Amino acid sequence: MATRDEPTDWRSDLLTRIRELIQAADPDVVEEAKWVKATNPAGVPTWSHDGIICTGETYKGKVKLTFMEGAALPDPSGLFNASLDAGTRRAIDIHQGDELDEPALQALVRAAVDLNTSKRAGRTT
């Protein structure tokens, strides 16, 4: 479901598939457009459940999924291939023609939800 300001090519097709995978991995996920500005009027697709799970950004040659707490997530399939030196975040850069390991992506989403939920449960109100 690309917005009118998102590209309508392989990147929008990939983001549509990613949306489907995230929704299937966590039916309670919420998607919002964040960081809307003149240079990015559609904003950044952001998926949350008890905190941000990940964002999806399109660039000229790739789609980047950034997991806010990626450094704390198990990644046995080695999906994280970007922002590996970041303190907390980890990202997946997907280029045209790359094969996406869908079960591994869904496992990362579920792990991020579990982490967010456990952090929220530990908070005092």
PDB file of N, CA and C in Angstrom:
ATOM      1  N   MET A   1       0.829  -1.188   0.000  1.00  0.00           N
ATOM      2  CA  MET A   1       0.000   0.000   0.000  1.00  0.00           C
ATOM      3  C   MET A   1       0.870   1.247   0.000  1.00  0.00           C
ATOM      4  N   ALA A   2       1.506   1.510  -1.090  1.00  0.00           N
ATOM      5  CA  ALA A   2       2.371   2.676  -1.217  1.00  0.00           C
ATOM      6  C   ALA A   2       1.537   3.944  -1.189  1.00  0.00           C
ATOM      7  N   THR A   3       2.060   4.968  -0.533  1.00  0.00           N
ATOM      8  CA  THR A   3       1.395   6.265  -0.568  1.00  0.00           C
ATOM      9  C   THR A   3       1.802   6.944  -1.861  1.00  0.00           C
ATOM     10  N   ARG A   4       1.132   8.027  -2.179  1.00  0.00           N
ATOM     11  CA  ARG A   4       1.423   8.667  -3.458  1.00  0.00           C
ATOM     12  C   ARG A   4       2.828   9.244  -3.515  1.00  0.00           C
ATOM     13  N   ASP A   5       3.466   9.446  -2.366  1.00  0.00           N
ATOM     14  CA  ASP A   5       4.802  10.015  -2.355  1.00  0.00           C
ATOM     15  C   ASP A   5       5.901   8.958  -2.289  1.00  0.00           C
ATOM     16  N   GLU A   6       5.534   7.693  -2.139  1.00  0.00           N
ATOM     17  CA  GLU A   6       6.531   6.632  -2.127  1.00  0.00           C
ATOM     18  C   GLU A   6       6.830   6.224  -3.564  1.00  0.00           C
ATOM     19  N   PRO A   7       8.024   5.719  -3.814  1.00  0.00           N
ATOM     20  CA  PRO A   7       8.335   5.255  -5.163  1.00  0.00           C
ATOM     21  C   PRO A   7       7.408   4.107  -5.550  1.00  0.00           C
ATOM     22  N   THR A   8       7.125   3.995  -6.828  1.00  0.00           N
ATOM     23  CA  THR A   8       6.272   2.897  -7.306  1.00  0.00           C
ATOM     24  C   THR A   8       7.103   2.023  -8.237  1.00  0.00           C
ATOM     25  N   ASP A   9       7.994   1.292  -7.644  1.00  0.00           N
ATOM     26  CA  ASP A   9       8.850   0.381  -8.380  1.00  0.00           C
ATOM     27  C   ASP A   9       9.158  -0.803  -7.470  1.00  0.00           C
ATOM     28  N   TRP A  10      10.279  -1.454  -7.679  1.00  0.00           N
ATOM     29  CA  TRP A  10      10.624  -2.631  -6.884  1.00  0.00           C
ATOM     30  C   TRP A  10      10.680  -2.307  -5.401  1.00  0.00           C
ATOM     31  N   ARG A  11      11.048  -1.044  -5.067  1.00  0.00           N
ATOM     32  CA  ARG A  11      11.137  -0.662  -3.658  1.00  0.00           C
ATOM     33  C   ARG A  11       9.760  -0.621  -3.003  1.00  0.00           C
ATOM     34  N   SER A  12       8.769  -0.082  -3.696  1.00  0.00           N
ATOM     35  CA  SER A  12       7.419  -0.063  -3.121  1.00  0.00           C
ATOM     36  C   SER A  12       6.853  -1.468  -3.039  1.00  0.00           C
ATOM     37  N   ASP A  13       7.158  -2.294  -4.038  1.00  0.00           N
ATOM     38  CA  ASP A  13       6.722  -3.699  -3.983  1.00  0.00           C
ATOM     39  C   ASP A  13       7.340  -4.402  -2.785  1.00  0.00           C
ATOM     40  N   LEU A  14       8.620  -4.146  -2.543  1.00  0.00           N
ATOM     41  CA  LEU A  14       9.305  -4.763  -1.412  1.00  0.00           C
ATOM     42  C   LEU A  14       8.733  -4.259  -0.082  1.00  0.00           C
ATOM     43  N   LEU A  15       8.479  -2.959   0.024  1.00  0.00           N
ATOM     44  CA  LEU A  15       7.886  -2.425   1.254  1.00  0.00           C
ATOM     45  C   LEU A  15       6.495  -3.015   1.496  1.00  0.00           C
ATOM     46  N   THR A  16       5.734  -3.220   0.442  1.00  0.00           N
ATOM     47  CA  THR A  16       4.418  -3.858   0.587  1.00  0.00           C
ATOM     48  C   THR A  16       4.583  -5.265   1.147  1.00  0.00           C
ATOM     49  N   ARG A  17       5.539  -6.009   0.626  1.00  0.00           N
ATOM     50  CA  ARG A  17       5.783  -7.369   1.122  1.00  0.00           C
ATOM     51  C   ARG A  17       6.261  -7.338   2.575  1.00  0.00           C
ATOM     52  N   ILE A  18       7.125  -6.403   2.907  1.00  0.00           N
ATOM     53  CA  ILE A  18       7.613  -6.277   4.280  1.00  0.00           C
ATOM     54  C   ILE A  18       6.454  -5.970   5.228  1.00  0.00           C
ATOM     55  N   ARG A  19       5.559  -5.074   4.810  1.00  0.00           N
ATOM     56  CA  ARG A  19       4.371  -4.777   5.622  1.00  0.00           C
ATOM     57  C   ARG A  19       3.584  -6.053   5.910  1.00  0.00           C
ATOM     58  N   GLU A  20       3.377  -6.854   4.878  1.00  0.00           N
ATOM     59  CA  GLU A  20       2.629  -8.108   5.031  1.00  0.00           C
ATOM     60  C   GLU A  20       3.329  -9.046   6.015  1.00  0.00           C
ATOM     61  N   LEU A  21       4.639  -9.159   5.892  1.00  0.00           N
ATOM     62  CA  LEU A  21       5.408 -10.044   6.772  1.00  0.00           C
ATOM     63  C   LEU A  21       5.377  -9.574   8.224  1.00  0.00           C
ATOM     64  N   ILE A  22       5.511  -8.270   8.421  1.00  0.00           N
ATOM     65  CA  ILE A  22       5.482  -7.734   9.782  1.00  0.00           C
ATOM     66  C   ILE A  22       4.110  -7.935  10.395  1.00  0.00           C
ATOM     67  N   GLN A  23       3.060  -7.652   9.632  1.00  0.00           N
ATOM     68  CA  GLN A  23       1.689  -7.832  10.126  1.00  0.00           C
ATOM     69  C   GLN A  23       1.420  -9.300  10.464  1.00  0.00           C
ATOM     70  N   ALA A  24       1.921 -10.212   9.653  1.00  0.00           N
ATOM     71  CA  ALA A  24       1.732 -11.642   9.923  1.00  0.00           C
ATOM     72  C   ALA A  24       2.517 -12.078  11.156  1.00  0.00           C
ATOM     73  N   ALA A  25       3.695 -11.498  11.350  1.00  0.00           N
ATOM     74  CA  ALA A  25       4.516 -11.859  12.509  1.00  0.00           C
ATOM     75  C   ALA A  25       3.917 -11.326  13.805  1.00  0.00           C
ATOM     76  N   ASP A  26       3.265 -10.159  13.730  1.00  0.00           N
ATOM     77  CA  ASP A  26       2.650  -9.553  14.912  1.00  0.00           C
ATOM     78  C   ASP A  26       1.366  -8.840  14.494  1.00  0.00           C
ATOM     79  N   PRO A  27       0.229  -9.520  14.617  1.00  0.00           N
ATOM     80  CA  PRO A  27      -1.042  -8.915  14.208  1.00  0.00           C
ATOM     81  C   PRO A  27      -1.398  -7.633  14.978  1.00  0.00           C
ATOM     82  N   ASP A  28      -0.761  -7.382  16.120  1.00  0.00           N
ATOM     83  CA  ASP A  28      -1.045  -6.185  16.910  1.00  0.00           C
ATOM     84  C   ASP A  28      -0.123  -5.018  16.582  1.00  0.00           C
ATOM     85  N   VAL A  29       0.721  -5.180  15.578  1.00  0.00           N
ATOM     86  CA  VAL A  29       1.650  -4.118  15.208  1.00  0.00           C
ATOM     87  C   VAL A  29       0.874  -2.896  14.702  1.00  0.00           C
ATOM     88  N   VAL A  30       1.447  -1.726  14.948  1.00  0.00           N
ATOM     89  CA  VAL A  30       0.887  -0.462  14.471  1.00  0.00           C
ATOM     90  C   VAL A  30       1.888   0.150  13.510  1.00  0.00           C
ATOM     91  N   GLU A  31       1.406   0.548  12.338  1.00  0.00           N
ATOM     92  CA  GLU A  31       2.270   1.247  11.390  1.00  0.00           C
ATOM     93  C   GLU A  31       1.873   2.711  11.336  1.00  0.00           C
ATOM     94  N   GLU A  32       2.875   3.564  11.413  1.00  0.00           N
ATOM     95  CA  GLU A  32       2.674   5.008  11.319  1.00  0.00           C
ATOM     96  C   GLU A  32       3.737   5.583  10.401  1.00  0.00           C
ATOM     97  N   ALA A  33       3.447   6.756   9.853  1.00  0.00           N
ATOM     98  CA  ALA A  33       4.450   7.519   9.126  1.00  0.00           C
ATOM     99  C   ALA A  33       5.025   8.530  10.100  1.00  0.00           C
ATOM    100  N   LYS A  34       6.308   8.440  10.360  1.00  0.00           N
ATOM    101  CA  LYS A  34       6.971   9.371  11.276  1.00  0.00           C
ATOM    102  C   LYS A  34       7.998  10.186  10.495  1.00  0.00           C
ATOM    103  N   TRP A  35       8.431  11.259  11.114  1.00  0.00           N
ATOM    104  CA  TRP A  35       9.457  12.131  10.550  1.00  0.00           C
ATOM    105  C   TRP A  35       9.064  12.666   9.175  1.00  0.00           C
ATOM    106  N   VAL A  36       7.829  13.122   9.064  1.00  0.00           N
ATOM    107  CA  VAL A  36       7.339  13.746   7.840  1.00  0.00           C
ATOM    108  C   VAL A  36       7.960  15.136   7.732  1.00  0.00           C
ATOM    109  N   LYS A  37       8.506  15.450   6.566  1.00  0.00           N
ATOM    110  CA  LYS A  37       9.085  16.772   6.331  1.00  0.00           C
ATOM    111  C   LYS A  37       9.030  17.077   4.845  1.00  0.00           C
ATOM    112  N   ALA A  38       9.358  18.282   4.475  1.00  0.00           N
ATOM    113  CA  ALA A  38       9.242  18.706   3.078  1.00  0.00           C
ATOM    114  C   ALA A  38      10.032  17.802   2.136  1.00  0.00           C
ATOM    115  N   THR A  39      11.207  17.369   2.569  1.00  0.00           N
ATOM    116  CA  THR A  39      12.027  16.518   1.708  1.00  0.00           C
ATOM    117  C   THR A  39      11.568  15.065   1.723  1.00  0.00           C
ATOM    118  N   ASN A  40      10.674  14.716   2.640  1.00  0.00           N
ATOM    119  CA  ASN A  40      10.144  13.351   2.718  1.00  0.00           C
ATOM    120  C   ASN A  40       8.675  13.436   3.149  1.00  0.00           C
ATOM    121  N   PRO A  41       7.800  13.914   2.235  1.00  0.00           N
ATOM    122  CA  PRO A  41       6.408  14.184   2.613  1.00  0.00           C
ATOM    123  C   PRO A  41       5.616  12.936   3.020  1.00  0.00           C
ATOM    124  N   ALA A  42       6.044  11.759   2.612  1.00  0.00           N
ATOM    125  CA  ALA A  42       5.346  10.527   3.011  1.00  0.00           C
ATOM    126  C   ALA A  42       5.783  10.068   4.397  1.00  0.00           C
ATOM    127  N   GLY A  43       6.894  10.617   4.888  1.00  0.00           N
ATOM    128  CA  GLY A  43       7.426  10.185   6.165  1.00  0.00           C
ATOM    129  C   GLY A  43       8.108   8.832   6.051  1.00  0.00           C
ATOM    130  N   VAL A  44       8.464   8.298   7.199  1.00  0.00           N
ATOM    131  CA  VAL A  44       9.159   7.018   7.261  1.00  0.00           C
ATOM    132  C   VAL A  44       8.199   5.990   7.846  1.00  0.00           C
ATOM    133  N   PRO A  45       7.911   4.906   7.108  1.00  0.00           N
ATOM    134  CA  PRO A  45       7.072   3.859   7.696  1.00  0.00           C
ATOM    135  C   PRO A  45       7.746   3.311   8.957  1.00  0.00           C
ATOM    136  N   THR A  46       6.979   3.311  10.049  1.00  0.00           N
ATOM    137  CA  THR A  46       7.502   2.906  11.347  1.00  0.00           C
ATOM    138  C   THR A  46       6.531   1.926  11.979  1.00  0.00           C
ATOM    139  N   TRP A  47       7.041   0.763  12.358  1.00  0.00           N
ATOM    140  CA  TRP A  47       6.207  -0.272  12.964  1.00  0.00           C
ATOM    141  C   TRP A  47       6.506  -0.348  14.454  1.00  0.00           C
ATOM    142  N   SER A  48       5.435  -0.355  15.265  1.00  0.00           N
ATOM    143  CA  SER A  48       5.584  -0.333  16.718  1.00  0.00           C
ATOM    144  C   SER A  48       4.683  -1.359  17.393  1.00  0.00           C
ATOM    145  N   HIS A  49       5.143  -1.798  18.527  1.00  0.00           N
ATOM    146  CA  HIS A  49       4.367  -2.604  19.478  1.00  0.00           C
ATOM    147  C   HIS A  49       5.088  -2.457  20.809  1.00  0.00           C
ATOM    148  N   ASP A  50       4.497  -1.681  21.705  1.00  0.00           N
ATOM    149  CA  ASP A  50       5.139  -1.343  22.988  1.00  0.00           C
ATOM    150  C   ASP A  50       6.487  -0.661  22.762  1.00  0.00           C
ATOM    151  N   GLY A  51       6.600   0.084  21.715  1.00  0.00           N
ATOM    152  CA  GLY A  51       7.830   0.764  21.333  1.00  0.00           C
ATOM    153  C   GLY A  51       8.116   0.481  19.863  1.00  0.00           C
ATOM    154  N   ILE A  52       9.017   1.236  19.286  1.00  0.00           N
ATOM    155  CA  ILE A  52       9.334   1.053  17.865  1.00  0.00           C
ATOM    156  C   ILE A  52      10.047  -0.279  17.663  1.00  0.00           C
ATOM    157  N   ILE A  53       9.560  -1.039  16.686  1.00  0.00           N
ATOM    158  CA  ILE A  53      10.201  -2.288  16.269  1.00  0.00           C
ATOM    159  C   ILE A  53      11.257  -1.950  15.219  1.00  0.00           C
ATOM    160  N   CYS A  54      10.790  -1.351  14.115  1.00  0.00           N
ATOM    161  CA  CYS A  54      11.707  -1.008  13.030  1.00  0.00           C
ATOM    162  C   CYS A  54      11.093   0.058  12.141  1.00  0.00           C
ATOM    163  N   THR A  55      11.942   0.612  11.291  1.00  0.00           N
ATOM    164  CA  THR A  55      11.520   1.578  10.283  1.00  0.00           C
ATOM    165  C   THR A  55      11.903   1.021   8.916  1.00  0.00           C
ATOM    166  N   GLY A  56      11.227   1.499   7.887  1.00  0.00           N
ATOM    167  CA  GLY A  56      11.532   1.096   6.521  1.00  0.00           C
ATOM    168  C   GLY A  56      11.736   2.328   5.657  1.00  0.00           C
ATOM    169  N   GLU A  57      12.922   2.487   5.126  1.00  0.00           N
ATOM    170  CA  GLU A  57      13.221   3.651   4.300  1.00  0.00           C
ATOM    171  C   GLU A  57      13.645   3.213   2.912  1.00  0.00           C
ATOM    172  N   THR A  58      13.227   3.992   1.924  1.00  0.00           N
ATOM    173  CA  THR A  58      13.645   3.715   0.556  1.00  0.00           C
ATOM    174  C   THR A  58      14.724   4.706   0.147  1.00  0.00           C
ATOM    175  N   TYR A  59      15.727   4.176  -0.479  1.00  0.00           N
ATOM    176  CA  TYR A  59      16.817   4.961  -1.056  1.00  0.00           C
ATOM    177  C   TYR A  59      16.887   4.614  -2.530  1.00  0.00           C
ATOM    178  N   LYS A  60      17.716   5.315  -3.256  1.00  0.00           N
ATOM    179  CA  LYS A  60      17.787   5.093  -4.696  1.00  0.00           C
ATOM    180  C   LYS A  60      18.064   3.626  -5.034  1.00  0.00           C
ATOM    181  N   GLY A  61      18.990   2.993  -4.308  1.00  0.00           N
ATOM    182  CA  GLY A  61      19.379   1.635  -4.668  1.00  0.00           C
ATOM    183  C   GLY A  61      19.047   0.565  -3.643  1.00  0.00           C
ATOM    184  N   LYS A  62      18.239   0.922  -2.617  1.00  0.00           N
ATOM    185  CA  LYS A  62      17.974  -0.080  -1.589  1.00  0.00           C
ATOM    186  C   LYS A  62      16.759   0.304  -0.744  1.00  0.00           C
ATOM    187  N   VAL A  63      16.294  -0.689  -0.015  1.00  0.00           N
ATOM    188  CA  VAL A  63      15.333  -0.480   1.059  1.00  0.00           C
ATOM    189  C   VAL A  63      16.079  -0.814   2.339  1.00  0.00           C
ATOM    190  N   LYS A  64      15.989   0.062   3.331  1.00  0.00           N
ATOM    191  CA  LYS A  64      16.692  -0.138   4.595  1.00  0.00           C
ATOM    192  C   LYS A  64      15.672  -0.354   5.698  1.00  0.00           C
ATOM    193  N   LEU A  65      15.779  -1.492   6.379  1.00  0.00           N
ATOM    194  CA  LEU A  65      14.993  -1.756   7.583  1.00  0.00           C
ATOM    195  C   LEU A  65      15.908  -1.558   8.773  1.00  0.00           C
ATOM    196  N   THR A  66      15.556  -0.623   9.642  1.00  0.00           N
ATOM    197  CA  THR A  66      16.374  -0.348  10.817  1.00  0.00           C
ATOM    198  C   THR A  66      15.614  -0.770  12.061  1.00  0.00           C
ATOM    199  N   PHE A  67      16.214  -1.671  12.813  1.00  0.00           N
ATOM    200  CA  PHE A  67      15.643  -2.151  14.069  1.00  0.00           C
ATOM    201  C   PHE A  67      16.254  -1.328  15.191  1.00  0.00           C
ATOM    202  N   MET A  68      15.397  -0.644  15.945  1.00  0.00           N
ATOM    203  CA  MET A  68      15.870   0.282  16.978  1.00  0.00           C
ATOM    204  C   MET A  68      16.717  -0.400  18.041  1.00  0.00           C
ATOM    205  N   GLU A  69      16.370  -1.626  18.401  1.00  0.00           N
ATOM    206  CA  GLU A  69      17.100  -2.376  19.434  1.00  0.00           C
ATOM    207  C   GLU A  69      17.800  -3.591  18.807  1.00  0.00           C
ATOM    208  N   GLY A  70      18.219  -3.444  17.574  1.00  0.00           N
ATOM    209  CA  GLY A  70      18.778  -4.568  16.828  1.00  0.00           C
ATOM    210  C   GLY A  70      19.975  -5.232  17.472  1.00  0.00           C
ATOM    211  N   ALA A  71      20.809  -4.455  18.163  1.00  0.00           N
ATOM    212  CA  ALA A  71      22.001  -5.026  18.793  1.00  0.00           C
ATOM    213  C   ALA A  71      21.635  -6.021  19.888  1.00  0.00           C
ATOM    214  N   ALA A  72      20.426  -5.907  20.434  1.00  0.00           N
ATOM    215  CA  ALA A  72      19.985  -6.799  21.512  1.00  0.00           C
ATOM    216  C   ALA A  72      19.207  -8.007  20.993  1.00  0.00           C
ATOM    217  N   LEU A  73      19.041  -8.111  19.678  1.00  0.00           N
ATOM    218  CA  LEU A  73      18.228  -9.186  19.111  1.00  0.00           C
ATOM    219  C   LEU A  73      19.090 -10.319  18.577  1.00  0.00           C
ATOM    220  N   PRO A  74      18.632 -11.559  18.761  1.00  0.00           N
ATOM    221  CA  PRO A  74      19.344 -12.677  18.132  1.00  0.00           C
ATOM    222  C   PRO A  74      19.165 -12.604  16.616  1.00  0.00           C
ATOM    223  N   ASP A  75      20.225 -12.861  15.886  1.00  0.00           N
ATOM    224  CA  ASP A  75      20.183 -12.828  14.418  1.00  0.00           C
ATOM    225  C   ASP A  75      20.942 -14.029  13.864  1.00  0.00           C
ATOM    226  N   PRO A  76      20.456 -15.239  14.150  1.00  0.00           N
ATOM    227  CA  PRO A  76      21.191 -16.432  13.724  1.00  0.00           C
ATOM    228  C   PRO A  76      21.313 -16.564  12.204  1.00  0.00           C
ATOM    229  N   SER A  77      20.417 -15.934  11.460  1.00  0.00           N
ATOM    230  CA  SER A  77      20.478 -16.011   9.998  1.00  0.00           C
ATOM    231  C   SER A  77      21.369 -14.946   9.387  1.00  0.00           C
ATOM    232  N   GLY A  78      21.851 -14.014  10.212  1.00  0.00           N
ATOM    233  CA  GLY A  78      22.754 -12.977   9.720  1.00  0.00           C
ATOM    234  C   GLY A  78      22.102 -11.967   8.793  1.00  0.00           C
ATOM    235  N   LEU A  79      20.854 -11.606   9.085  1.00  0.00           N
ATOM    236  CA  LEU A  79      20.176 -10.614   8.244  1.00  0.00           C
ATOM    237  C   LEU A  79      20.778  -9.220   8.380  1.00  0.00           C
ATOM    238  N   PHE A  80      21.203  -8.858   9.587  1.00  0.00           N
ATOM    239  CA  PHE A  80      21.752  -7.517   9.775  1.00  0.00           C
ATOM    240  C   PHE A  80      23.048  -7.380   8.979  1.00  0.00           C
ATOM    241  N   ASN A  81      23.053  -6.389   8.081  1.00  0.00           N
ATOM    242  CA  ASN A  81      24.224  -6.171   7.236  1.00  0.00           C
ATOM    243  C   ASN A  81      24.620  -4.693   7.153  1.00  0.00           C
ATOM    244  N   ALA A  82      23.994  -3.858   8.002  1.00  0.00           N
ATOM    245  CA  ALA A  82      24.282  -2.429   8.002  1.00  0.00           C
ATOM    246  C   ALA A  82      24.134  -1.892   9.427  1.00  0.00           C
ATOM    247  N   SER A  83      24.754  -0.771   9.682  1.00  0.00           N
ATOM    248  CA  SER A  83      24.752  -0.144  11.012  1.00  0.00           C
ATOM    249  C   SER A  83      25.278  -1.108  12.072  1.00  0.00           C
ATOM    250  N   LEU A  84      26.208  -1.956  11.681  1.00  0.00           N
ATOM    251  CA  LEU A  84      26.724  -2.972  12.593  1.00  0.00           C
ATOM    252  C   LEU A  84      27.592  -2.364  13.687  1.00  0.00           C
ATOM    253  N   ASP A  85      28.095  -1.157  13.469  1.00  0.00           N
ATOM    254  CA  ASP A  85      28.912  -0.491  14.482  1.00  0.00           C
ATOM    255  C   ASP A  85      28.092   0.440  15.371  1.00  0.00           C
ATOM    256  N   ALA A  86      26.803   0.551  15.094  1.00  0.00           N
ATOM    257  CA  ALA A  86      25.938   1.415  15.902  1.00  0.00           C
ATOM    258  C   ALA A  86      25.788   0.812  17.297  1.00  0.00           C
ATOM    259  N   GLY A  87      25.606   1.649  18.284  1.00  0.00           N
ATOM    260  CA  GLY A  87      25.507   1.161  19.655  1.00  0.00           C
ATOM    261  C   GLY A  87      24.302   0.284  19.898  1.00  0.00           C
ATOM    262  N   THR A  88      23.152   0.669  19.399  1.00  0.00           N
ATOM    263  CA  THR A  88      21.909  -0.042  19.684  1.00  0.00           C
ATOM    264  C   THR A  88      21.231  -0.546  18.421  1.00  0.00           C
ATOM    265  N   ARG A  89      21.216   0.285  17.397  1.00  0.00           N
ATOM    266  CA  ARG A  89      20.501  -0.053  16.161  1.00  0.00           C
ATOM    267  C   ARG A  89      21.263  -1.082  15.331  1.00  0.00           C
ATOM    268  N   ARG A  90      20.518  -1.789  14.508  1.00  0.00           N
ATOM    269  CA  ARG A  90      21.077  -2.634  13.454  1.00  0.00           C
ATOM    270  C   ARG A  90      20.131  -2.520  12.270  1.00  0.00           C
ATOM    271  N   ALA A  91      20.660  -2.671  11.070  1.00  0.00           N
ATOM    272  CA  ALA A  91      19.833  -2.492   9.882  1.00  0.00           C
ATOM    273  C   ALA A  91      20.060  -3.617   8.880  1.00  0.00           C
ATOM    274  N   ILE A  92      19.092  -3.728   7.998  1.00  0.00           N
ATOM    275  CA  ILE A  92      19.151  -4.667   6.883  1.00  0.00           C
ATOM    276  C   ILE A  92      19.000  -3.835   5.617  1.00  0.00           C
ATOM    277  N   ASP A  93      20.020  -3.828   4.780  1.00  0.00           N
ATOM    278  CA  ASP A  93      19.936  -3.179   3.473  1.00  0.00           C
ATOM    279  C   ASP A  93      19.556  -4.239   2.452  1.00  0.00           C
ATOM    280  N   ILE A  94      18.477  -3.975   1.728  1.00  0.00           N
ATOM    281  CA  ILE A  94      17.995  -4.917   0.718  1.00  0.00           C
ATOM    282  C   ILE A  94      18.059  -4.223  -0.634  1.00  0.00           C
ATOM    283  N   HIS A  95      18.831  -4.792  -1.542  1.00  0.00           N
ATOM    284  CA  HIS A  95      19.007  -4.226  -2.870  1.00  0.00           C
ATOM    285  C   HIS A  95      18.137  -4.978  -3.863  1.00  0.00           C
ATOM    286  N   GLN A  96      17.882  -4.353  -4.991  1.00  0.00           N
ATOM    287  CA  GLN A  96      17.063  -4.977  -6.024  1.00  0.00           C
ATOM    288  C   GLN A  96      17.660  -6.330  -6.392  1.00  0.00           C
ATOM    289  N   GLY A  97      16.821  -7.342  -6.403  1.00  0.00           N
ATOM    290  CA  GLY A  97      17.260  -8.686  -6.747  1.00  0.00           C
ATOM    291  C   GLY A  97      17.712  -9.524  -5.559  1.00  0.00           C
ATOM    292  N   ASP A  98      17.917  -8.890  -4.393  1.00  0.00           N
ATOM    293  CA  ASP A  98      18.291  -9.651  -3.195  1.00  0.00           C
ATOM    294  C   ASP A  98      17.139 -10.562  -2.784  1.00  0.00           C
ATOM    295  N   GLU A  99      17.484 -11.706  -2.285  1.00  0.00           N
ATOM    296  CA  GLU A  99      16.496 -12.649  -1.752  1.00  0.00           C
ATOM    297  C   GLU A  99      16.298 -12.327  -0.269  1.00  0.00           C
ATOM    298  N   LEU A 100      15.062 -12.081   0.129  1.00  0.00           N
ATOM    299  CA  LEU A 100      14.757 -11.773   1.522  1.00  0.00           C
ATOM    300  C   LEU A 100      14.387 -13.066   2.247  1.00  0.00           C
ATOM    301  N   ASP A 101      15.087 -13.351   3.331  1.00  0.00           N
ATOM    302  CA  ASP A 101      14.781 -14.516   4.162  1.00  0.00           C
ATOM    303  C   ASP A 101      13.576 -14.152   5.026  1.00  0.00           C
ATOM    304  N   GLU A 102      12.384 -14.437   4.511  1.00  0.00           N
ATOM    305  CA  GLU A 102      11.152 -14.005   5.158  1.00  0.00           C
ATOM    306  C   GLU A 102      10.959 -14.607   6.555  1.00  0.00           C
ATOM    307  N   PRO A 103      11.194 -15.918   6.755  1.00  0.00           N
ATOM    308  CA  PRO A 103      11.048 -16.456   8.115  1.00  0.00           C
ATOM    309  C   PRO A 103      12.023 -15.807   9.109  1.00  0.00           C
ATOM    310  N   ALA A 104      13.243 -15.523   8.665  1.00  0.00           N
ATOM    311  CA  ALA A 104      14.223 -14.882   9.552  1.00  0.00           C
ATOM    312  C   ALA A 104      13.795 -13.455   9.885  1.00  0.00           C
ATOM    313  N   LEU A 105      13.243 -12.726   8.913  1.00  0.00           N
ATOM    314  CA  LEU A 105      12.758 -11.374   9.175  1.00  0.00           C
ATOM    315  C   LEU A 105      11.617 -11.415  10.187  1.00  0.00           C
ATOM    316  N   GLN A 106      10.705 -12.351  10.024  1.00  0.00           N
ATOM    317  CA  GLN A 106       9.594 -12.461  10.964  1.00  0.00           C
ATOM    318  C   GLN A 106      10.085 -12.840  12.363  1.00  0.00           C
ATOM    319  N   ALA A 107      11.110 -13.667  12.440  1.00  0.00           N
ATOM    320  CA  ALA A 107      11.682 -14.012  13.746  1.00  0.00           C
ATOM    321  C   ALA A 107      12.289 -12.774  14.405  1.00  0.00           C
ATOM    322  N   LEU A 108      12.958 -11.911  13.629  1.00  0.00           N
ATOM    323  CA  LEU A 108      13.499 -10.667  14.176  1.00  0.00           C
ATOM    324  C   LEU A 108      12.382  -9.757  14.680  1.00  0.00           C
ATOM    325  N   VAL A 109      11.299  -9.665  13.922  1.00  0.00           N
ATOM    326  CA  VAL A 109      10.164  -8.840  14.345  1.00  0.00           C
ATOM    327  C   VAL A 109       9.598  -9.366  15.667  1.00  0.00           C
ATOM    328  N   ARG A 110       9.385 -10.669  15.756  1.00  0.00           N
ATOM    329  CA  ARG A 110       8.850 -11.248  16.998  1.00  0.00           C
ATOM    330  C   ARG A 110       9.810 -11.035  18.169  1.00  0.00           C
ATOM    331  N   ALA A 111      11.102 -11.160  17.919  1.00  0.00           N
ATOM    332  CA  ALA A 111      12.090 -10.934  18.982  1.00  0.00           C
ATOM    333  C   ALA A 111      12.067  -9.470  19.430  1.00  0.00           C
ATOM    334  N   ALA A 112      11.913  -8.543  18.484  1.00  0.00           N
ATOM    335  CA  ALA A 112      11.844  -7.120  18.837  1.00  0.00           C
ATOM    336  C   ALA A 112      10.588  -6.827  19.653  1.00  0.00           C
ATOM    337  N   VAL A 113       9.470  -7.431  19.283  1.00  0.00           N
ATOM    338  CA  VAL A 113       8.235  -7.259  20.049  1.00  0.00           C
ATOM    339  C   VAL A 113       8.414  -7.813  21.458  1.00  0.00           C
ATOM    340  N   ASP A 114       8.999  -9.008  21.557  1.00  0.00           N
ATOM    341  CA  ASP A 114       9.240  -9.609  22.879  1.00  0.00           C
ATOM    342  C   ASP A 114      10.115  -8.703  23.738  1.00  0.00           C
ATOM    343  N   LEU A 115      11.157  -8.134  23.142  1.00  0.00           N
ATOM    344  CA  LEU A 115      12.047  -7.239  23.879  1.00  0.00           C
ATOM    345  C   LEU A 115      11.295  -5.990  24.338  1.00  0.00           C
ATOM    346  N   ASN A 116      10.541  -5.378  23.426  1.00  0.00           N
ATOM    347  CA  ASN A 116       9.771  -4.182  23.785  1.00  0.00           C
ATOM    348  C   ASN A 116       8.767  -4.489  24.898  1.00  0.00           C
ATOM    349  N   THR A 117       8.079  -5.609  24.773  1.00  0.00           N
ATOM    350  CA  THR A 117       7.062  -5.987  25.754  1.00  0.00           C
ATOM    351  C   THR A 117       7.692  -6.255  27.117  1.00  0.00           C
ATOM    352  N   SER A 118       8.842  -6.931  27.117  1.00  0.00           N
ATOM    353  CA  SER A 118       9.495  -7.222  28.394  1.00  0.00           C
ATOM    354  C   SER A 118      10.006  -5.943  29.049  1.00  0.00           C
ATOM    355  N   LYS A 119      10.503  -5.001  28.254  1.00  0.00           N
ATOM    356  CA  LYS A 119      10.951  -3.716  28.801  1.00  0.00           C
ATOM    357  C   LYS A 119       9.768  -2.945  29.389  1.00  0.00           C
ATOM    358  N   ARG A 120       8.666  -2.958  28.665  1.00  0.00           N
ATOM    359  CA  ARG A 120       7.482  -2.241  29.135  1.00  0.00           C
ATOM    360  C   ARG A 120       6.943  -2.866  30.422  1.00  0.00           C
ATOM    361  N   ALA A 121       6.956  -4.192  30.501  1.00  0.00           N
ATOM    362  CA  ALA A 121       6.468  -4.895  31.699  1.00  0.00           C
ATOM    363  C   ALA A 121       7.327  -4.561  32.909  1.00  0.00           C
ATOM    364  N   GLY A 122       8.620  -4.285  32.679  1.00  0.00           N
ATOM    365  CA  GLY A 122       9.524  -3.977  33.767  1.00  0.00           C
ATOM    366  C   GLY A 122       9.441  -2.530  34.248  1.00  0.00           C
ATOM    367  N   ARG A 123       8.755  -1.682  33.485  1.00  0.00           N
ATOM    368  CA  ARG A 123       8.618  -0.276  33.877  1.00  0.00           C
ATOM    369  C   ARG A 123       7.607  -0.117  34.998  1.00  0.00           C
ATOM    370  N   THR A 124       7.841   0.827  35.833  1.00  0.00           N
ATOM    371  CA  THR A 124       6.857   1.163  36.863  1.00  0.00           C
ATOM    372  C   THR A 124       6.099   2.399  36.428  1.00  0.00           C
ATOM    373  N   THR A 125       4.819   2.435  36.739  1.00  0.00           N
ATOM    374  CA  THR A 125       4.026   3.589  36.314  1.00  0.00           C
ATOM    375  C   THR A 125       3.654   4.453  37.477  1.00  0.00           C
TER     376      THR A 125
END
